[in-house]
Amino acid sequence: MLTVYGEGRGFRIVWLLEELGLAYRLRPVDLFAVENDRDFLAINPAGFIPVLQDGETIMVESVAILQYLLARHGSASLAVAPDDPAFASYLQFLHLGEAGLAGLMNAVIVGRNLAPEAERDARVTRWALETFESRLGLVIRRLADFPYLAGDRFTAADISVSYALLLGLRTGHYVPGSIERDYLVRTTARPAYVRAMESCQATKAWAARSPGL
């Protein structure tokens, strides 16, 4: 049985597992009391989420976990083969969803929501938001020509990027334009996304009290 520890970016993993029709167990992790969670710290001593446990295999980076699941358990319909002309775009946006979008949005959230009031307009926070918006331009340009980031079909790259856009939207630091909004309507209408939200009750509750589409 595959076990996913924690929601947050773990939602990406749950969504993919639902798309693939794979059985899994979602194990909640309270990051505000993680020092008391000895079972979780035995799996990931660094104490961050998500974590995937697949037998003896432990993985802790959400996009790497997506690639792992697709390679080990996956369906070719959610990945793009190296000889496919769309492979480069698929791979680029799969990783951009974290490295160019969600990671930067995390810095904005910490800077604007968690830092002391006097530090909330720090240069590094403004840089993170400006860089998020710059990388977002790549997504918008791609979606102006295609319904999905790899072209005409939904792939794991769309899970990666949709999560990042929803993170920005739900924290109030990003307002989607019409192209991104239409895109998110398409991706979040998928039955697997709906099932993932039912599985991830903390994410569902957070979304319900946050800005929506």
C-alpha atoms as a PDB file:
ATOM      1  CA  MET A   1       0.000   0.000   0.000  1.00  0.00           C
ATOM      2  CA  LEU A   2       1.302   3.448  -0.935  1.00  0.00           C
ATOM      3  CA  THR A   3       1.249   5.895   1.978  1.00  0.00           C
ATOM      4  CA  VAL A   4       1.191   9.667   1.552  1.00  0.00           C
ATOM      5  CA  TYR A   5       2.172  11.660   4.632  1.00  0.00           C
ATOM      6  CA  GLY A   6       0.681  15.139   4.859  1.00  0.00           C
ATOM      7  CA  GLU A   7      -1.507  17.303   2.668  1.00  0.00           C
ATOM      8  CA  GLY A   8      -0.182  20.639   1.356  1.00  0.00           C
ATOM      9  CA  ARG A   9       1.968  19.609  -1.599  1.00  0.00           C
ATOM     10  CA  GLY A  10       0.836  16.088  -0.792  1.00  0.00           C
ATOM     11  CA  PHE A  11      -2.350  17.067  -2.587  1.00  0.00           C
ATOM     12  CA  ARG A  12      -0.421  16.832  -5.863  1.00  0.00           C
ATOM     13  CA  ILE A  13       0.404  13.225  -5.061  1.00  0.00           C
ATOM     14  CA  VAL A  14      -3.116  12.303  -3.986  1.00  0.00           C
ATOM     15  CA  TRP A  15      -4.511  13.874  -7.157  1.00  0.00           C
ATOM     16  CA  LEU A  16      -2.144  11.853  -9.321  1.00  0.00           C
ATOM     17  CA  LEU A  17      -2.944   8.653  -7.409  1.00  0.00           C
ATOM     18  CA  GLU A  18      -6.640   9.274  -8.003  1.00  0.00           C
ATOM     19  CA  GLU A  19      -5.968   9.851 -11.707  1.00  0.00           C
ATOM     20  CA  LEU A  20      -4.060   6.568 -11.838  1.00  0.00           C
ATOM     21  CA  GLY A  21      -6.627   4.633  -9.831  1.00  0.00           C
ATOM     22  CA  LEU A  22      -4.006   3.430  -7.346  1.00  0.00           C
ATOM     23  CA  ALA A  23      -4.850   2.484  -3.776  1.00  0.00           C
ATOM     24  CA  TYR A  24      -3.189   4.625  -1.122  1.00  0.00           C
ATOM     25  CA  ARG A  25      -3.410   5.682   2.501  1.00  0.00           C
ATOM     26  CA  LEU A  26      -3.285   9.366   3.455  1.00  0.00           C
ATOM     27  CA  ARG A  27      -1.656   9.850   6.823  1.00  0.00           C
ATOM     28  CA  PRO A  28      -2.200  13.341   8.318  1.00  0.00           C
ATOM     29  CA  VAL A  29       0.765  15.267   9.704  1.00  0.00           C
ATOM     30  CA  ASP A  30       0.404  18.232  12.060  1.00  0.00           C
ATOM     31  CA  LEU A  31       3.362  20.458  11.224  1.00  0.00           C
ATOM     32  CA  PHE A  32       2.657  22.611  14.288  1.00  0.00           C
ATOM     33  CA  ALA A  33       3.347  19.597  16.521  1.00  0.00           C
ATOM     34  CA  VAL A  34       5.663  17.598  14.302  1.00  0.00           C
ATOM     35  CA  GLU A  35       8.271  17.305  17.049  1.00  0.00           C
ATOM     36  CA  ASN A  36       5.862  14.985  18.872  1.00  0.00           C
ATOM     37  CA  ASP A  37       5.149  12.807  15.829  1.00  0.00           C
ATOM     38  CA  ARG A  38       7.802  10.150  16.310  1.00  0.00           C
ATOM     39  CA  ASP A  39       6.415   7.803  13.668  1.00  0.00           C
ATOM     40  CA  PHE A  40       6.553  10.523  11.019  1.00  0.00           C
ATOM     41  CA  LEU A  41      10.021  11.711  12.061  1.00  0.00           C
ATOM     42  CA  ALA A  42      11.247   8.141  11.762  1.00  0.00           C
ATOM     43  CA  ILE A  43      10.182   8.304   8.106  1.00  0.00           C
ATOM     44  CA  ASN A  44      11.459  11.843   7.445  1.00  0.00           C
ATOM     45  CA  PRO A  45      13.734  13.220  10.188  1.00  0.00           C
ATOM     46  CA  ALA A  46      13.722  16.618   8.457  1.00  0.00           C
ATOM     47  CA  GLY A  47      10.046  16.890   9.425  1.00  0.00           C
ATOM     48  CA  PHE A  48       8.544  18.359   6.252  1.00  0.00           C
ATOM     49  CA  ILE A  49       5.774  17.161   3.967  1.00  0.00           C
ATOM     50  CA  PRO A  50       4.881  15.492   1.718  1.00  0.00           C
ATOM     51  CA  VAL A  51       6.440  12.068   2.030  1.00  0.00           C
ATOM     52  CA  LEU A  52       5.633   9.014  -0.062  1.00  0.00           C
ATOM     53  CA  GLN A  53       6.324   5.560   1.323  1.00  0.00           C
ATOM     54  CA  ASP A  54       6.242   2.733  -1.207  1.00  0.00           C
ATOM     55  CA  GLY A  55       7.458  -0.374   0.580  1.00  0.00           C
ATOM     56  CA  GLU A  56      11.034   0.363   1.562  1.00  0.00           C
ATOM     57  CA  THR A  57      11.214   3.425  -0.707  1.00  0.00           C
ATOM     58  CA  ILE A  58      10.855   6.874   0.886  1.00  0.00           C
ATOM     59  CA  MET A  59      10.590  10.050  -1.204  1.00  0.00           C
ATOM     60  CA  VAL A  60      10.141  13.641  -0.021  1.00  0.00           C
ATOM     61  CA  GLU A  61      10.002  15.964  -3.061  1.00  0.00           C
ATOM     62  CA  SER A  62       6.522  16.310  -4.543  1.00  0.00           C
ATOM     63  CA  VAL A  63       7.454  16.665  -8.220  1.00  0.00           C
ATOM     64  CA  ALA A  64      10.024  13.868  -7.971  1.00  0.00           C
ATOM     65  CA  ILE A  65       7.287  11.748  -6.398  1.00  0.00           C
ATOM     66  CA  LEU A  66       5.024  12.450  -9.373  1.00  0.00           C
ATOM     67  CA  GLN A  67       7.758  11.301 -11.745  1.00  0.00           C
ATOM     68  CA  TYR A  68       8.444   8.231  -9.619  1.00  0.00           C
ATOM     69  CA  LEU A  69       4.811   7.164  -9.525  1.00  0.00           C
ATOM     70  CA  LEU A  70       4.413   7.616 -13.261  1.00  0.00           C
ATOM     71  CA  ALA A  71       7.561   5.599 -13.962  1.00  0.00           C
ATOM     72  CA  ARG A  72       6.808   2.803 -11.501  1.00  0.00           C
ATOM     73  CA  HIS A  73       3.035   2.596 -11.424  1.00  0.00           C
ATOM     74  CA  GLY A  74       1.781   4.990 -14.019  1.00  0.00           C
ATOM     75  CA  SER A  75      -0.125   5.402 -17.176  1.00  0.00           C
ATOM     76  CA  ALA A  76       1.465   6.795 -20.307  1.00  0.00           C
ATOM     77  CA  SER A  77      -1.558   9.060 -20.690  1.00  0.00           C
ATOM     78  CA  LEU A  78      -0.371  11.276 -17.825  1.00  0.00           C
ATOM     79  CA  ALA A  79       3.259  11.551 -18.917  1.00  0.00           C
ATOM     80  CA  VAL A  80       4.929  12.342 -22.229  1.00  0.00           C
ATOM     81  CA  ALA A  81       7.469  10.039 -23.861  1.00  0.00           C
ATOM     82  CA  PRO A  82      10.930  11.417 -24.670  1.00  0.00           C
ATOM     83  CA  ASP A  83      10.361  10.985 -28.407  1.00  0.00           C
ATOM     84  CA  ASP A  84       7.133  12.998 -28.303  1.00  0.00           C
ATOM     85  CA  PRO A  85       7.476  16.596 -29.598  1.00  0.00           C
ATOM     86  CA  ALA A  86       5.681  17.775 -26.429  1.00  0.00           C
ATOM     87  CA  PHE A  87       8.219  16.143 -24.091  1.00  0.00           C
ATOM     88  CA  ALA A  88      10.260  19.296 -23.462  1.00  0.00           C
ATOM     89  CA  SER A  89       7.184  21.369 -22.611  1.00  0.00           C
ATOM     90  CA  TYR A  90       5.829  18.617 -20.374  1.00  0.00           C
ATOM     91  CA  LEU A  91       9.075  18.314 -18.436  1.00  0.00           C
ATOM     92  CA  GLN A  92       9.575  22.067 -18.188  1.00  0.00           C
ATOM     93  CA  PHE A  93       6.130  22.765 -16.743  1.00  0.00           C
ATOM     94  CA  LEU A  94       6.181  19.697 -14.498  1.00  0.00           C
ATOM     95  CA  HIS A  95       9.166  21.234 -12.693  1.00  0.00           C
ATOM     96  CA  LEU A  96       8.157  24.871 -13.134  1.00  0.00           C
ATOM     97  CA  GLY A  97       5.098  24.151 -10.989  1.00  0.00           C
ATOM     98  CA  GLU A  98       7.385  23.889  -7.974  1.00  0.00           C
ATOM     99  CA  ALA A  99      10.703  25.518  -8.801  1.00  0.00           C
ATOM    100  CA  GLY A 100       9.257  28.541 -10.598  1.00  0.00           C
ATOM    101  CA  LEU A 101       5.846  28.950  -8.959  1.00  0.00           C
ATOM    102  CA  ALA A 102       4.932  27.192  -5.706  1.00  0.00           C
ATOM    103  CA  GLY A 103       8.373  27.595  -4.134  1.00  0.00           C
ATOM    104  CA  LEU A 104       8.326  31.327  -4.806  1.00  0.00           C
ATOM    105  CA  MET A 105       4.743  31.618  -3.562  1.00  0.00           C
ATOM    106  CA  ASN A 106       5.830  29.984  -0.308  1.00  0.00           C
ATOM    107  CA  ALA A 107       8.339  32.791   0.163  1.00  0.00           C
ATOM    108  CA  VAL A 108       5.570  35.342  -0.435  1.00  0.00           C
ATOM    109  CA  ILE A 109       3.286  33.634   2.083  1.00  0.00           C
ATOM    110  CA  VAL A 110       5.988  33.602   4.752  1.00  0.00           C
ATOM    111  CA  GLY A 111       6.968  37.194   4.017  1.00  0.00           C
ATOM    112  CA  ARG A 112       3.456  38.631   3.878  1.00  0.00           C
ATOM    113  CA  ASN A 113       1.583  36.442   6.367  1.00  0.00           C
ATOM    114  CA  LEU A 114       4.088  35.210   8.934  1.00  0.00           C
ATOM    115  CA  ALA A 115       6.833  37.830   9.132  1.00  0.00           C
ATOM    116  CA  PRO A 116       6.636  40.698  11.650  1.00  0.00           C
ATOM    117  CA  GLU A 117       4.648  43.663  10.341  1.00  0.00           C
ATOM    118  CA  ALA A 118       7.761  45.782   9.793  1.00  0.00           C
ATOM    119  CA  GLU A 119       9.259  43.135   7.487  1.00  0.00           C
ATOM    120  CA  ARG A 120       6.253  42.435   5.277  1.00  0.00           C
ATOM    121  CA  ASP A 121       7.431  44.595   2.396  1.00  0.00           C
ATOM    122  CA  ALA A 122      10.959  43.229   2.460  1.00  0.00           C
ATOM    123  CA  ARG A 123      12.854  43.284  -0.819  1.00  0.00           C
ATOM    124  CA  VAL A 124      13.158  39.494  -0.877  1.00  0.00           C
ATOM    125  CA  THR A 125       9.376  39.107  -0.587  1.00  0.00           C
ATOM    126  CA  ARG A 126       8.765  41.560  -3.407  1.00  0.00           C
ATOM    127  CA  TRP A 127      11.389  39.738  -5.476  1.00  0.00           C
ATOM    128  CA  ALA A 128       9.649  36.396  -4.881  1.00  0.00           C
ATOM    129  CA  LEU A 129       6.297  37.788  -6.035  1.00  0.00           C
ATOM    130  CA  GLU A 130       7.806  39.516  -9.058  1.00  0.00           C
ATOM    131  CA  THR A 131       9.605  36.325 -10.045  1.00  0.00           C
ATOM    132  CA  PHE A 132       6.428  34.258  -9.591  1.00  0.00           C
ATOM    133  CA  GLU A 133       4.645  36.665 -11.940  1.00  0.00           C
ATOM    134  CA  SER A 134       7.491  36.454 -14.460  1.00  0.00           C
ATOM    135  CA  ARG A 135       7.420  32.636 -14.485  1.00  0.00           C
ATOM    136  CA  LEU A 136       3.633  32.750 -14.688  1.00  0.00           C
ATOM    137  CA  GLY A 137       4.047  34.501 -18.021  1.00  0.00           C
ATOM    138  CA  LEU A 138       5.448  31.265 -19.452  1.00  0.00           C
ATOM    139  CA  VAL A 139       2.302  29.424 -18.354  1.00  0.00           C
ATOM    140  CA  ILE A 140      -0.008  32.070 -19.792  1.00  0.00           C
ATOM    141  CA  ARG A 141       1.802  32.093 -23.124  1.00  0.00           C
ATOM    142  CA  ARG A 142       1.553  28.305 -23.385  1.00  0.00           C
ATOM    143  CA  LEU A 143      -2.120  28.227 -22.412  1.00  0.00           C
ATOM    144  CA  ALA A 144      -2.932  30.891 -24.974  1.00  0.00           C
ATOM    145  CA  ASP A 145      -2.151  28.259 -27.638  1.00  0.00           C
ATOM    146  CA  PHE A 146      -3.103  24.974 -25.969  1.00  0.00           C
ATOM    147  CA  PRO A 147      -5.707  23.800 -23.440  1.00  0.00           C
ATOM    148  CA  TYR A 148      -3.048  22.021 -21.359  1.00  0.00           C
ATOM    149  CA  LEU A 149       0.639  22.520 -20.738  1.00  0.00           C
ATOM    150  CA  ALA A 150       1.757  19.531 -22.794  1.00  0.00           C
ATOM    151  CA  GLY A 151      -0.637  20.400 -25.589  1.00  0.00           C
ATOM    152  CA  ASP A 152      -4.074  18.932 -26.147  1.00  0.00           C
ATOM    153  CA  ARG A 153      -4.133  16.482 -23.241  1.00  0.00           C
ATOM    154  CA  PHE A 154      -3.969  16.670 -19.468  1.00  0.00           C
ATOM    155  CA  THR A 155      -0.734  15.399 -17.872  1.00  0.00           C
ATOM    156  CA  ALA A 156       1.071  15.444 -14.552  1.00  0.00           C
ATOM    157  CA  ALA A 157       2.492  18.837 -15.546  1.00  0.00           C
ATOM    158  CA  ASP A 158      -1.021  20.229 -15.138  1.00  0.00           C
ATOM    159  CA  ILE A 159      -1.271  18.750 -11.636  1.00  0.00           C
ATOM    160  CA  SER A 160       2.019  20.414 -10.711  1.00  0.00           C
ATOM    161  CA  VAL A 161       1.123  23.856 -12.079  1.00  0.00           C
ATOM    162  CA  SER A 162      -2.547  23.814 -11.050  1.00  0.00           C
ATOM    163  CA  TYR A 163      -1.507  23.197  -7.455  1.00  0.00           C
ATOM    164  CA  ALA A 164       0.848  26.193  -7.564  1.00  0.00           C
ATOM    165  CA  LEU A 165      -1.791  28.508  -9.035  1.00  0.00           C
ATOM    166  CA  LEU A 166      -4.376  27.363  -6.500  1.00  0.00           C
ATOM    167  CA  LEU A 167      -1.866  27.968  -3.695  1.00  0.00           C
ATOM    168  CA  GLY A 168      -1.439  31.566  -4.821  1.00  0.00           C
ATOM    169  CA  LEU A 169      -5.178  32.043  -5.306  1.00  0.00           C
ATOM    170  CA  ARG A 170      -6.212  30.557  -1.963  1.00  0.00           C
ATOM    171  CA  THR A 171      -3.671  32.571  -0.008  1.00  0.00           C
ATOM    172  CA  GLY A 172      -4.820  35.785  -1.658  1.00  0.00           C
ATOM    173  CA  HIS A 173      -1.489  36.631  -3.274  1.00  0.00           C
ATOM    174  CA  TYR A 174      -2.464  35.899  -6.871  1.00  0.00           C
ATOM    175  CA  VAL A 175      -5.583  36.667  -8.885  1.00  0.00           C
ATOM    176  CA  PRO A 176      -5.865  34.503 -12.017  1.00  0.00           C
ATOM    177  CA  GLY A 177      -6.425  36.192 -15.341  1.00  0.00           C
ATOM    178  CA  SER A 178      -9.004  34.840 -17.762  1.00  0.00           C
ATOM    179  CA  ILE A 179      -6.607  32.341 -19.366  1.00  0.00           C
ATOM    180  CA  GLU A 180      -5.491  30.833 -16.045  1.00  0.00           C
ATOM    181  CA  ARG A 181      -9.034  30.912 -14.661  1.00  0.00           C
ATOM    182  CA  ASP A 182     -10.399  28.947 -17.618  1.00  0.00           C
ATOM    183  CA  TYR A 183      -7.505  26.525 -17.266  1.00  0.00           C
ATOM    184  CA  LEU A 184      -8.163  25.949 -13.565  1.00  0.00           C
ATOM    185  CA  VAL A 185     -11.853  25.415 -14.261  1.00  0.00           C
ATOM    186  CA  ARG A 186     -10.822  22.637 -16.674  1.00  0.00           C
ATOM    187  CA  THR A 187      -8.320  20.961 -14.382  1.00  0.00           C
ATOM    188  CA  THR A 188     -10.374  21.149 -11.180  1.00  0.00           C
ATOM    189  CA  ALA A 189     -13.449  19.747 -12.926  1.00  0.00           C
ATOM    190  CA  ARG A 190     -11.703  16.411 -13.368  1.00  0.00           C
ATOM    191  CA  PRO A 191     -13.286  13.597 -11.335  1.00  0.00           C
ATOM    192  CA  ALA A 192      -9.889  12.652  -9.900  1.00  0.00           C
ATOM    193  CA  TYR A 193      -9.429  16.190  -8.559  1.00  0.00           C
ATOM    194  CA  VAL A 194     -12.855  16.020  -6.912  1.00  0.00           C
ATOM    195  CA  ARG A 195     -11.992  12.644  -5.338  1.00  0.00           C
ATOM    196  CA  ALA A 196      -8.647  14.013  -4.141  1.00  0.00           C
ATOM    197  CA  MET A 197     -10.421  16.914  -2.449  1.00  0.00           C
ATOM    198  CA  GLU A 198     -12.718  14.452  -0.682  1.00  0.00           C
ATOM    199  CA  SER A 199      -9.683  12.526   0.524  1.00  0.00           C
ATOM    200  CA  CYS A 200      -7.815  15.676   1.617  1.00  0.00           C
ATOM    201  CA  GLN A 201     -10.357  17.110   4.020  1.00  0.00           C
ATOM    202  CA  ALA A 202      -8.016  19.780   5.426  1.00  0.00           C
ATOM    203  CA  THR A 203      -7.359  21.052   1.898  1.00  0.00           C
ATOM    204  CA  LYS A 204     -11.071  20.987   1.133  1.00  0.00           C
ATOM    205  CA  ALA A 205     -11.868  23.006   4.273  1.00  0.00           C
ATOM    206  CA  TRP A 206      -9.101  25.514   3.481  1.00  0.00           C
ATOM    207  CA  ALA A 207     -10.379  25.931  -0.083  1.00  0.00           C
ATOM    208  CA  ALA A 208     -13.929  26.506   1.176  1.00  0.00           C
ATOM    209  CA  ARG A 209     -12.882  29.504   3.272  1.00  0.00           C
ATOM    210  CA  SER A 210     -10.446  30.928   0.702  1.00  0.00           C
ATOM    211  CA  PRO A 211     -10.864  32.944  -2.501  1.00  0.00           C
ATOM    212  CA  GLY A 212     -12.187  30.732  -5.279  1.00  0.00           C
ATOM    213  CA  LEU A 213     -12.677  30.686  -8.999  1.00  0.00           C
END
